[in-house]
PDB file of all heavy atoms in Angstrom:
ATOM      1  N   ALA A   1      40.655  97.119 131.070  1.00  0.00           N
ATOM      2  CA  ALA A   1      40.272  96.152 132.106  1.00  0.00           C
ATOM      3  C   ALA A   1      41.332  95.069 132.232  1.00  0.00           C
ATOM      4  O   ALA A   1      41.654  94.620 133.343  1.00  0.00           O
ATOM      5  CB  ALA A   1      38.910  95.550 131.769  1.00  0.00           C
ATOM      6  N   GLU A   2      41.883  94.629 131.092  1.00  0.00           N
ATOM      7  CA  GLU A   2      42.918  93.604 131.090  1.00  0.00           C
ATOM      8  C   GLU A   2      44.167  94.091 131.835  1.00  0.00           C
ATOM      9  O   GLU A   2      44.871  93.313 132.472  1.00  0.00           O
ATOM     10  CB  GLU A   2      43.267  93.247 129.642  1.00  0.00           C
ATOM     11  CG  GLU A   2      44.309  92.153 129.487  1.00  0.00           C
ATOM     12  CD  GLU A   2      43.778  90.782 129.852  1.00  0.00           C
ATOM     13  OE1 GLU A   2      42.540  90.596 129.853  1.00  0.00           O
ATOM     14  OE2 GLU A   2      44.612  89.897 130.134  1.00  0.00           O
ATOM     15  N   ARG A   3      44.414  95.398 131.760  1.00  0.00           N
ATOM     16  CA  ARG A   3      45.587  95.960 132.434  1.00  0.00           C
ATOM     17  C   ARG A   3      45.304  96.299 133.886  1.00  0.00           C
ATOM     18  O   ARG A   3      46.151  96.864 134.576  1.00  0.00           O
ATOM     19  CB  ARG A   3      46.039  97.220 131.701  1.00  0.00           C
ATOM     20  CG  ARG A   3      46.479  96.978 130.261  1.00  0.00           C
ATOM     21  CD  ARG A   3      46.798  98.284 129.551  1.00  0.00           C
ATOM     22  NE  ARG A   3      47.115  98.082 128.139  1.00  0.00           N
ATOM     23  CZ  ARG A   3      47.422  99.052 127.295  1.00  0.00           C
ATOM     24  NH1 ARG A   3      47.461 100.308 127.741  1.00  0.00           N
ATOM     25  NH2 ARG A   3      47.684  98.789 126.025  1.00  0.00           N
ATOM     26  N   GLY A   4      44.102  95.993 134.334  1.00  0.00           N
ATOM     27  CA  GLY A   4      43.761  96.239 135.723  1.00  0.00           C
ATOM     28  C   GLY A   4      43.389  97.667 136.029  1.00  0.00           C
ATOM     29  O   GLY A   4      43.313  98.065 137.198  1.00  0.00           O
ATOM     30  N   ARG A   5      43.130  98.438 134.979  1.00  0.00           N
ATOM     31  CA  ARG A   5      42.745  99.830 135.202  1.00  0.00           C
ATOM     32  C   ARG A   5      41.236  99.957 135.219  1.00  0.00           C
ATOM     33  O   ARG A   5      40.515  99.176 134.605  1.00  0.00           O
ATOM     34  CB  ARG A   5      43.321 100.715 134.093  1.00  0.00           C
ATOM     35  CG  ARG A   5      44.841 100.785 134.129  1.00  0.00           C
ATOM     36  CD  ARG A   5      45.403 101.474 132.911  1.00  0.00           C
ATOM     37  NE  ARG A   5      44.862 102.808 132.708  1.00  0.00           N
ATOM     38  CZ  ARG A   5      45.184 103.590 131.685  1.00  0.00           C
ATOM     39  NH1 ARG A   5      46.057 103.156 130.786  1.00  0.00           N
ATOM     40  NH2 ARG A   5      44.646 104.795 131.561  1.00  0.00           N
ATOM     41  N   ARG A   6      40.759 100.944 135.939  1.00  0.00           N
ATOM     42  CA  ARG A   6      39.323 101.156 136.040  1.00  0.00           C
ATOM     43  C   ARG A   6      38.762 101.485 134.663  1.00  0.00           C
ATOM     44  O   ARG A   6      39.314 102.271 133.918  1.00  0.00           O
ATOM     45  CB  ARG A   6      39.044 102.307 137.019  1.00  0.00           C
ATOM     46  CG  ARG A   6      37.559 102.575 137.239  1.00  0.00           C
ATOM     47  CD  ARG A   6      37.391 103.533 138.408  1.00  0.00           C
ATOM     48  NE  ARG A   6      38.076 104.799 138.154  1.00  0.00           N
ATOM     49  CZ  ARG A   6      37.516 105.809 137.490  1.00  0.00           C
ATOM     50  NH1 ARG A   6      36.298 105.700 137.016  1.00  0.00           N
ATOM     51  NH2 ARG A   6      38.190 106.938 137.313  1.00  0.00           N
ATOM     52  N   ARG A   7      37.632 100.863 134.367  1.00  0.00           N
ATOM     53  CA  ARG A   7      36.986 101.122 133.077  1.00  0.00           C
ATOM     54  C   ARG A   7      36.592 102.592 132.975  1.00  0.00           C
ATOM     55  O   ARG A   7      36.109 103.183 133.933  1.00  0.00           O
ATOM     56  CB  ARG A   7      35.741 100.244 132.912  1.00  0.00           C
ATOM     57  CG  ARG A   7      36.071  98.754 132.812  1.00  0.00           C
ATOM     58  CD  ARG A   7      34.786  97.932 132.857  1.00  0.00           C
ATOM     59  NE  ARG A   7      33.957  98.166 131.693  1.00  0.00           N
ATOM     60  CZ  ARG A   7      34.051  97.515 130.536  1.00  0.00           C
ATOM     61  NH1 ARG A   7      34.967  96.576 130.416  1.00  0.00           N
ATOM     62  NH2 ARG A   7      33.241  97.774 129.543  1.00  0.00           N
ATOM     63  N   GLN A   8      36.833 103.145 131.834  1.00  0.00           N
ATOM     64  CA  GLN A   8      36.466 104.535 131.629  1.00  0.00           C
ATOM     65  C   GLN A   8      35.906 104.707 130.222  1.00  0.00           C
ATOM     66  O   GLN A   8      36.174 103.897 129.335  1.00  0.00           O
ATOM     67  CB  GLN A   8      37.674 105.446 131.813  1.00  0.00           C
ATOM     68  CG  GLN A   8      38.831 105.147 130.855  1.00  0.00           C
ATOM     69  CD  GLN A   8      40.066 105.957 131.188  1.00  0.00           C
ATOM     70  OE1 GLN A   8      40.309 106.279 132.336  1.00  0.00           O
ATOM     71  NE2 GLN A   8      40.838 106.295 130.163  1.00  0.00           N
ATOM     72  N   SER A   9      35.109 105.703 130.058  1.00  0.00           N
ATOM     73  CA  SER A   9      34.480 105.928 128.761  1.00  0.00           C
ATOM     74  C   SER A   9      35.471 106.626 127.846  1.00  0.00           C
ATOM     75  O   SER A   9      35.819 107.792 128.067  1.00  0.00           O
ATOM     76  CB  SER A   9      33.212 106.773 128.931  1.00  0.00           C
ATOM     77  OG  SER A   9      32.626 107.023 127.682  1.00  0.00           O
ATOM     78  N   VAL A  10      35.954 105.922 126.837  1.00  0.00           N
ATOM     79  CA  VAL A  10      36.879 106.484 125.865  1.00  0.00           C
ATOM     80  C   VAL A  10      36.074 106.923 124.652  1.00  0.00           C
ATOM     81  O   VAL A  10      35.419 106.115 124.004  1.00  0.00           O
ATOM     82  CB  VAL A  10      37.945 105.452 125.452  1.00  0.00           C
ATOM     83  CG1 VAL A  10      38.858 106.032 124.385  1.00  0.00           C
ATOM     84  CG2 VAL A  10      38.738 105.004 126.663  1.00  0.00           C
ATOM     85  N   LYS A  11      36.093 108.198 124.346  1.00  0.00           N
ATOM     86  CA  LYS A  11      35.302 108.728 123.248  1.00  0.00           C
ATOM     87  C   LYS A  11      36.202 109.316 122.168  1.00  0.00           C
ATOM     88  O   LYS A  11      37.310 109.765 122.438  1.00  0.00           O
ATOM     89  CB  LYS A  11      34.333 109.795 123.758  1.00  0.00           C
ATOM     90  CG  LYS A  11      33.305 109.264 124.747  1.00  0.00           C
ATOM     91  CD  LYS A  11      32.350 110.370 125.181  1.00  0.00           C
ATOM     92  CE  LYS A  11      31.299 109.814 126.134  1.00  0.00           C
ATOM     93  NZ  LYS A  11      30.352 110.867 126.584  1.00  0.00           N
ATOM     94  N   LEU A  12      35.679 109.276 120.939  1.00  0.00           N
ATOM     95  CA  LEU A  12      36.339 109.931 119.809  1.00  0.00           C
ATOM     96  C   LEU A  12      35.419 111.065 119.371  1.00  0.00           C
ATOM     97  O   LEU A  12      34.553 110.888 118.512  1.00  0.00           O
ATOM     98  CB  LEU A  12      36.555 108.938 118.660  1.00  0.00           C
ATOM     99  CG  LEU A  12      37.494 107.762 118.941  1.00  0.00           C
ATOM    100  CD1 LEU A  12      37.483 106.788 117.773  1.00  0.00           C
ATOM    101  CD2 LEU A  12      38.912 108.260 119.196  1.00  0.00           C
ATOM    102  N   PRO A  13      35.598 112.247 119.960  1.00  0.00           N
ATOM    103  CA  PRO A  13      34.645 113.335 119.706  1.00  0.00           C
ATOM    104  C   PRO A  13      34.668 113.863 118.283  1.00  0.00           C
ATOM    105  O   PRO A  13      33.713 114.503 117.846  1.00  0.00           O
ATOM    106  CB  PRO A  13      35.079 114.412 120.707  1.00  0.00           C
ATOM    107  CG  PRO A  13      36.513 114.131 120.982  1.00  0.00           C
ATOM    108  CD  PRO A  13      36.662 112.646 120.907  1.00  0.00           C
ATOM    109  N   TRP A  14      35.748 113.607 117.545  1.00  0.00           N
ATOM    110  CA  TRP A  14      35.849 114.110 116.178  1.00  0.00           C
ATOM    111  C   TRP A  14      35.726 112.965 115.175  1.00  0.00           C
ATOM    112  O   TRP A  14      36.551 112.816 114.266  1.00  0.00           O
ATOM    113  CB  TRP A  14      37.153 114.864 115.979  1.00  0.00           C
ATOM    114  CG  TRP A  14      37.146 116.209 116.638  1.00  0.00           C
ATOM    115  CD1 TRP A  14      37.610 116.523 117.875  1.00  0.00           C
ATOM    116  CD2 TRP A  14      36.600 117.418 116.088  1.00  0.00           C
ATOM    117  NE1 TRP A  14      37.411 117.853 118.143  1.00  0.00           N
ATOM    118  CE2 TRP A  14      36.789 118.432 117.060  1.00  0.00           C
ATOM    119  CE3 TRP A  14      35.986 117.753 114.889  1.00  0.00           C
ATOM    120  CZ2 TRP A  14      36.377 119.747 116.860  1.00  0.00           C
ATOM    121  CZ3 TRP A  14      35.581 119.061 114.682  1.00  0.00           C
ATOM    122  CH2 TRP A  14      35.771 120.041 115.656  1.00  0.00           C
ATOM    123  N   ALA A  15      34.699 112.161 115.326  1.00  0.00           N
ATOM    124  CA  ALA A  15      34.403 111.082 114.381  1.00  0.00           C
ATOM    125  C   ALA A  15      33.084 111.401 113.689  1.00  0.00           C
ATOM    126  O   ALA A  15      32.085 111.699 114.349  1.00  0.00           O
ATOM    127  CB  ALA A  15      34.309 109.741 115.108  1.00  0.00           C
ATOM    128  N   GLY A  16      33.070 111.369 112.371  1.00  0.00           N
ATOM    129  CA  GLY A  16      31.841 111.665 111.645  1.00  0.00           C
ATOM    130  C   GLY A  16      32.082 111.708 110.148  1.00  0.00           C
ATOM    131  O   GLY A  16      33.195 111.484 109.663  1.00  0.00           O
ATOM    132  N   THR A  17      31.033 112.021 109.413  1.00  0.00           N
ATOM    133  CA  THR A  17      31.161 112.144 107.962  1.00  0.00           C
ATOM    134  C   THR A  17      31.907 113.427 107.603  1.00  0.00           C
ATOM    135  O   THR A  17      32.007 114.354 108.411  1.00  0.00           O
ATOM    136  CB  THR A  17      29.781 112.169 107.292  1.00  0.00           C
ATOM    137  OG1 THR A  17      29.088 113.355 107.702  1.00  0.00           O
ATOM    138  CG2 THR A  17      28.956 110.946 107.672  1.00  0.00           C
ATOM    139  N   PHE A  18      32.412 113.479 106.390  1.00  0.00           N
ATOM    140  CA  PHE A  18      33.062 114.697 105.905  1.00  0.00           C
ATOM    141  C   PHE A  18      32.129 115.895 106.078  1.00  0.00           C
ATOM    142  O   PHE A  18      32.550 116.969 106.516  1.00  0.00           O
ATOM    143  CB  PHE A  18      33.426 114.547 104.425  1.00  0.00           C
ATOM    144  CG  PHE A  18      34.758 113.900 104.168  1.00  0.00           C
ATOM    145  CD1 PHE A  18      34.859 112.531 103.993  1.00  0.00           C
ATOM    146  CD2 PHE A  18      35.910 114.663 104.088  1.00  0.00           C
ATOM    147  CE1 PHE A  18      36.082 111.927 103.732  1.00  0.00           C
ATOM    148  CE2 PHE A  18      37.147 114.081 103.828  1.00  0.00           C
ATOM    149  CZ  PHE A  18      37.235 112.705 103.655  1.00  0.00           C
ATOM    150  N   HIS A  19      30.869 115.714 105.732  1.00  0.00           N
ATOM    151  CA  HIS A  19      29.926 116.830 105.785  1.00  0.00           C
ATOM    152  C   HIS A  19      29.639 117.259 107.220  1.00  0.00           C
ATOM    153  O   HIS A  19      29.562 118.460 107.518  1.00  0.00           O
ATOM    154  CB  HIS A  19      28.623 116.457 105.074  1.00  0.00           C
ATOM    155  CG  HIS A  19      28.775 116.273 103.598  1.00  0.00           C
ATOM    156  ND1 HIS A  19      29.161 115.074 103.033  1.00  0.00           N
ATOM    157  CD2 HIS A  19      28.609 117.140 102.563  1.00  0.00           C
ATOM    158  CE1 HIS A  19      29.227 115.218 101.718  1.00  0.00           C
ATOM    159  NE2 HIS A  19      28.901 116.458 101.404  1.00  0.00           N
ATOM    160  N   ALA A  20      29.500 116.291 108.121  1.00  0.00           N
ATOM    161  CA  ALA A  20      29.211 116.622 109.515  1.00  0.00           C
ATOM    162  C   ALA A  20      30.384 117.346 110.168  1.00  0.00           C
ATOM    163  O   ALA A  20      30.204 118.336 110.890  1.00  0.00           O
ATOM    164  CB  ALA A  20      28.858 115.357 110.295  1.00  0.00           C
ATOM    165  N   ILE A  21      31.588 116.852 109.932  1.00  0.00           N
ATOM    166  CA  ILE A  21      32.774 117.505 110.500  1.00  0.00           C
ATOM    167  C   ILE A  21      32.964 118.880 109.881  1.00  0.00           C
ATOM    168  O   ILE A  21      33.309 119.860 110.562  1.00  0.00           O
ATOM    169  CB  ILE A  21      34.027 116.635 110.290  1.00  0.00           C
ATOM    170  CG1 ILE A  21      33.880 115.293 111.013  1.00  0.00           C
ATOM    171  CG2 ILE A  21      35.269 117.366 110.778  1.00  0.00           C
ATOM    172  CD1 ILE A  21      33.732 115.387 112.519  1.00  0.00           C
ATOM    173  N   GLY A  22      32.707 118.993 108.584  1.00  0.00           N
ATOM    174  CA  GLY A  22      32.818 120.290 107.927  1.00  0.00           C
ATOM    175  C   GLY A  22      31.862 121.306 108.525  1.00  0.00           C
ATOM    176  O   GLY A  22      32.237 122.460 108.781  1.00  0.00           O
ATOM    177  N   ALA A  23      30.608 120.893 108.753  1.00  0.00           N
ATOM    178  CA  ALA A  23      29.625 121.803 109.349  1.00  0.00           C
ATOM    179  C   ALA A  23      30.067 122.244 110.736  1.00  0.00           C
ATOM    180  O   ALA A  23      29.930 123.419 111.106  1.00  0.00           O
ATOM    181  CB  ALA A  23      28.261 121.111 109.422  1.00  0.00           C
ATOM    182  N   ARG A  24      30.622 121.321 111.497  1.00  0.00           N
ATOM    183  CA  ARG A  24      31.053 121.644 112.869  1.00  0.00           C
ATOM    184  C   ARG A  24      32.197 122.654 112.865  1.00  0.00           C
ATOM    185  O   ARG A  24      32.189 123.630 113.638  1.00  0.00           O
ATOM    186  CB  ARG A  24      31.477 120.349 113.567  1.00  0.00           C
ATOM    187  CG  ARG A  24      31.883 120.514 115.015  1.00  0.00           C
ATOM    188  CD  ARG A  24      32.149 119.163 115.623  1.00  0.00           C
ATOM    189  NE  ARG A  24      32.781 119.276 116.938  1.00  0.00           N
ATOM    190  CZ  ARG A  24      33.199 118.242 117.650  1.00  0.00           C
ATOM    191  NH1 ARG A  24      33.043 117.008 117.181  1.00  0.00           N
ATOM    192  NH2 ARG A  24      33.774 118.425 118.829  1.00  0.00           N
ATOM    193  N   LEU A  25      33.169 122.455 111.996  1.00  0.00           N
ATOM    194  CA  LEU A  25      34.300 123.382 111.935  1.00  0.00           C
ATOM    195  C   LEU A  25      33.869 124.747 111.408  1.00  0.00           C
ATOM    196  O   LEU A  25      34.322 125.793 111.899  1.00  0.00           O
ATOM    197  CB  LEU A  25      35.398 122.796 111.044  1.00  0.00           C
ATOM    198  CG  LEU A  25      36.215 121.642 111.637  1.00  0.00           C
ATOM    199  CD1 LEU A  25      37.090 120.997 110.574  1.00  0.00           C
ATOM    200  CD2 LEU A  25      37.061 122.124 112.819  1.00  0.00           C
ATOM    201  N   LEU A  26      32.994 124.766 110.423  1.00  0.00           N
ATOM    202  CA  LEU A  26      32.533 126.042 109.873  1.00  0.00           C
ATOM    203  C   LEU A  26      31.765 126.854 110.906  1.00  0.00           C
ATOM    204  O   LEU A  26      31.896 128.081 110.964  1.00  0.00           O
ATOM    205  CB  LEU A  26      31.666 125.797 108.639  1.00  0.00           C
ATOM    206  CG  LEU A  26      32.407 125.277 107.393  1.00  0.00           C
ATOM    207  CD1 LEU A  26      31.420 124.920 106.291  1.00  0.00           C
ATOM    208  CD2 LEU A  26      33.433 126.291 106.891  1.00  0.00           C
ATOM    209  N   ARG A  27      30.987 126.192 111.738  1.00  0.00           N
ATOM    210  CA  ARG A  27      30.270 126.918 112.795  1.00  0.00           C
ATOM    211  C   ARG A  27      31.256 127.478 113.822  1.00  0.00           C
ATOM    212  O   ARG A  27      31.125 128.609 114.275  1.00  0.00           O
ATOM    213  CB  ARG A  27      29.279 125.985 113.494  1.00  0.00           C
ATOM    214  CG  ARG A  27      28.062 125.643 112.658  1.00  0.00           C
ATOM    215  CD  ARG A  27      26.931 125.121 113.527  1.00  0.00           C
ATOM    216  NE  ARG A  27      25.870 124.530 112.718  1.00  0.00           N
ATOM    217  CZ  ARG A  27      24.943 125.230 112.087  1.00  0.00           C
ATOM    218  NH1 ARG A  27      24.959 126.555 112.141  1.00  0.00           N
ATOM    219  NH2 ARG A  27      24.005 124.612 111.383  1.00  0.00           N
ATOM    220  N   GLU A  28      32.257 126.679 114.143  1.00  0.00           N
ATOM    221  CA  GLU A  28      33.225 127.111 115.147  1.00  0.00           C
ATOM    222  C   GLU A  28      34.048 128.304 114.662  1.00  0.00           C
ATOM    223  O   GLU A  28      34.350 129.218 115.432  1.00  0.00           O
ATOM    224  CB  GLU A  28      34.147 125.936 115.502  1.00  0.00           C
ATOM    225  CG  GLU A  28      35.098 126.226 116.634  1.00  0.00           C
ATOM    226  CD  GLU A  28      35.891 124.995 117.050  1.00  0.00           C
ATOM    227  OE1 GLU A  28      35.392 123.866 116.841  1.00  0.00           O
ATOM    228  OE2 GLU A  28      37.014 125.171 117.581  1.00  0.00           O
ATOM    229  N   TYR A  29      34.394 128.297 113.386  1.00  0.00           N
ATOM    230  CA  TYR A  29      35.238 129.367 112.832  1.00  0.00           C
ATOM    231  C   TYR A  29      34.423 130.436 112.112  1.00  0.00           C
ATOM    232  O   TYR A  29      35.002 131.345 111.499  1.00  0.00           O
ATOM    233  CB  TYR A  29      36.267 128.765 111.870  1.00  0.00           C
ATOM    234  CG  TYR A  29      37.411 128.059 112.556  1.00  0.00           C
ATOM    235  CD1 TYR A  29      37.287 126.742 112.987  1.00  0.00           C
ATOM    236  CD2 TYR A  29      38.619 128.720 112.805  1.00  0.00           C
ATOM    237  CE1 TYR A  29      38.326 126.087 113.625  1.00  0.00           C
ATOM    238  CE2 TYR A  29      39.674 128.074 113.429  1.00  0.00           C
ATOM    239  CZ  TYR A  29      39.515 126.757 113.843  1.00  0.00           C
ATOM    240  OH  TYR A  29      40.553 126.117 114.486  1.00  0.00           O
ATOM    241  N   ALA A  30      33.111 130.353 112.167  1.00  0.00           N
ATOM    242  CA  ALA A  30      32.240 131.256 111.409  1.00  0.00           C
ATOM    243  C   ALA A  30      32.590 132.728 111.564  1.00  0.00           C
ATOM    244  O   ALA A  30      32.650 133.467 110.560  1.00  0.00           O
ATOM    245  CB  ALA A  30      30.778 131.010 111.775  1.00  0.00           C
ATOM    246  N   PRO A  31      32.820 133.235 112.800  1.00  0.00           N
ATOM    247  CA  PRO A  31      33.118 134.673 112.948  1.00  0.00           C
ATOM    248  C   PRO A  31      34.352 135.117 112.171  1.00  0.00           C
ATOM    249  O   PRO A  31      34.459 136.278 111.773  1.00  0.00           O
ATOM    250  CB  PRO A  31      33.317 134.839 114.456  1.00  0.00           C
ATOM    251  CG  PRO A  31      32.544 133.712 115.066  1.00  0.00           C
ATOM    252  CD  PRO A  31      32.727 132.567 114.122  1.00  0.00           C
ATOM    253  N   ARG A  32      35.274 134.201 111.945  1.00  0.00           N
ATOM    254  CA  ARG A  32      36.496 134.542 111.227  1.00  0.00           C
ATOM    255  C   ARG A  32      36.379 134.284 109.726  1.00  0.00           C
ATOM    256  O   ARG A  32      37.321 134.550 108.970  1.00  0.00           O
ATOM    257  CB  ARG A  32      37.674 133.749 111.802  1.00  0.00           C
ATOM    258  CG  ARG A  32      37.922 134.059 113.280  1.00  0.00           C
ATOM    259  CD  ARG A  32      38.849 133.042 113.936  1.00  0.00           C
ATOM    260  NE  ARG A  32      40.163 132.993 113.290  1.00  0.00           N
ATOM    261  CZ  ARG A  32      41.114 132.128 113.639  1.00  0.00           C
ATOM    262  NH1 ARG A  32      40.890 131.258 114.629  1.00  0.00           N
ATOM    263  NH2 ARG A  32      42.270 132.127 113.009  1.00  0.00           N
ATOM    264  N   LEU A  33      35.242 133.740 109.314  1.00  0.00           N
ATOM    265  CA  LEU A  33      35.062 133.377 107.911  1.00  0.00           C
ATOM    266  C   LEU A  33      33.985 134.203 107.218  1.00  0.00           C
ATOM    267  O   LEU A  33      33.659 133.950 106.056  1.00  0.00           O
ATOM    268  CB  LEU A  33      34.700 131.888 107.792  1.00  0.00           C
ATOM    269  CG  LEU A  33      35.673 130.892 108.434  1.00  0.00           C
ATOM    270  CD1 LEU A  33      35.123 129.482 108.338  1.00  0.00           C
ATOM    271  CD2 LEU A  33      37.048 130.984 107.773  1.00  0.00           C
ATOM    272  N   GLY A  34      33.430 135.163 107.954  1.00  0.00           N
ATOM    273  CA  GLY A  34      32.363 135.955 107.368  1.00  0.00           C
ATOM    274  C   GLY A  34      31.046 135.216 107.276  1.00  0.00           C
ATOM    275  O   GLY A  34      30.175 135.592 106.478  1.00  0.00           O
ATOM    276  N   LEU A  35      30.885 134.157 108.077  1.00  0.00           N
ATOM    277  CA  LEU A  35      29.649 133.384 108.091  1.00  0.00           C
ATOM    278  C   LEU A  35      28.844 133.702 109.342  1.00  0.00           C
ATOM    279  O   LEU A  35      29.407 134.029 110.390  1.00  0.00           O
ATOM    280  CB  LEU A  35      29.944 131.874 108.070  1.00  0.00           C
ATOM    281  CG  LEU A  35      30.588 131.285 106.819  1.00  0.00           C
ATOM    282  CD1 LEU A  35      30.892 129.806 107.048  1.00  0.00           C
ATOM    283  CD2 LEU A  35      29.687 131.452 105.609  1.00  0.00           C
ATOM    284  N   GLU A  36      27.529 133.551 109.237  1.00  0.00           N
ATOM    285  CA  GLU A  36      26.683 133.625 110.419  1.00  0.00           C
ATOM    286  C   GLU A  36      26.875 132.329 111.213  1.00  0.00           C
ATOM    287  O   GLU A  36      26.690 131.242 110.662  1.00  0.00           O
ATOM    288  CB  GLU A  36      25.210 133.755 110.013  1.00  0.00           C
ATOM    289  CG  GLU A  36      24.858 135.066 109.353  1.00  0.00           C
ATOM    290  CD  GLU A  36      24.652 136.178 110.367  1.00  0.00           C
ATOM    291  OE1 GLU A  36      24.608 135.877 111.575  1.00  0.00           O
ATOM    292  OE2 GLU A  36      24.550 137.342 109.946  1.00  0.00           O
ATOM    293  N   PRO A  37      27.231 132.403 112.494  1.00  0.00           N
ATOM    294  CA  PRO A  37      27.425 131.161 113.261  1.00  0.00           C
ATOM    295  C   PRO A  37      26.193 130.272 113.290  1.00  0.00           C
ATOM    296  O   PRO A  37      26.303 129.052 113.368  1.00  0.00           O
ATOM    297  CB  PRO A  37      27.772 131.673 114.667  1.00  0.00           C
ATOM    298  CG  PRO A  37      28.329 133.047 114.439  1.00  0.00           C
ATOM    299  CD  PRO A  37      27.555 133.600 113.279  1.00  0.00           C
TER     300      PRO A  37
END
């Protein structure tokens, strides 16, 4: 806003606890890891 740009929603989609991020990555890579997605 200070720079005169339109306000926009800036998100950090990969912010979380070690355990939460770990669960997310394991689900995403599950087929390649021998895990049930």
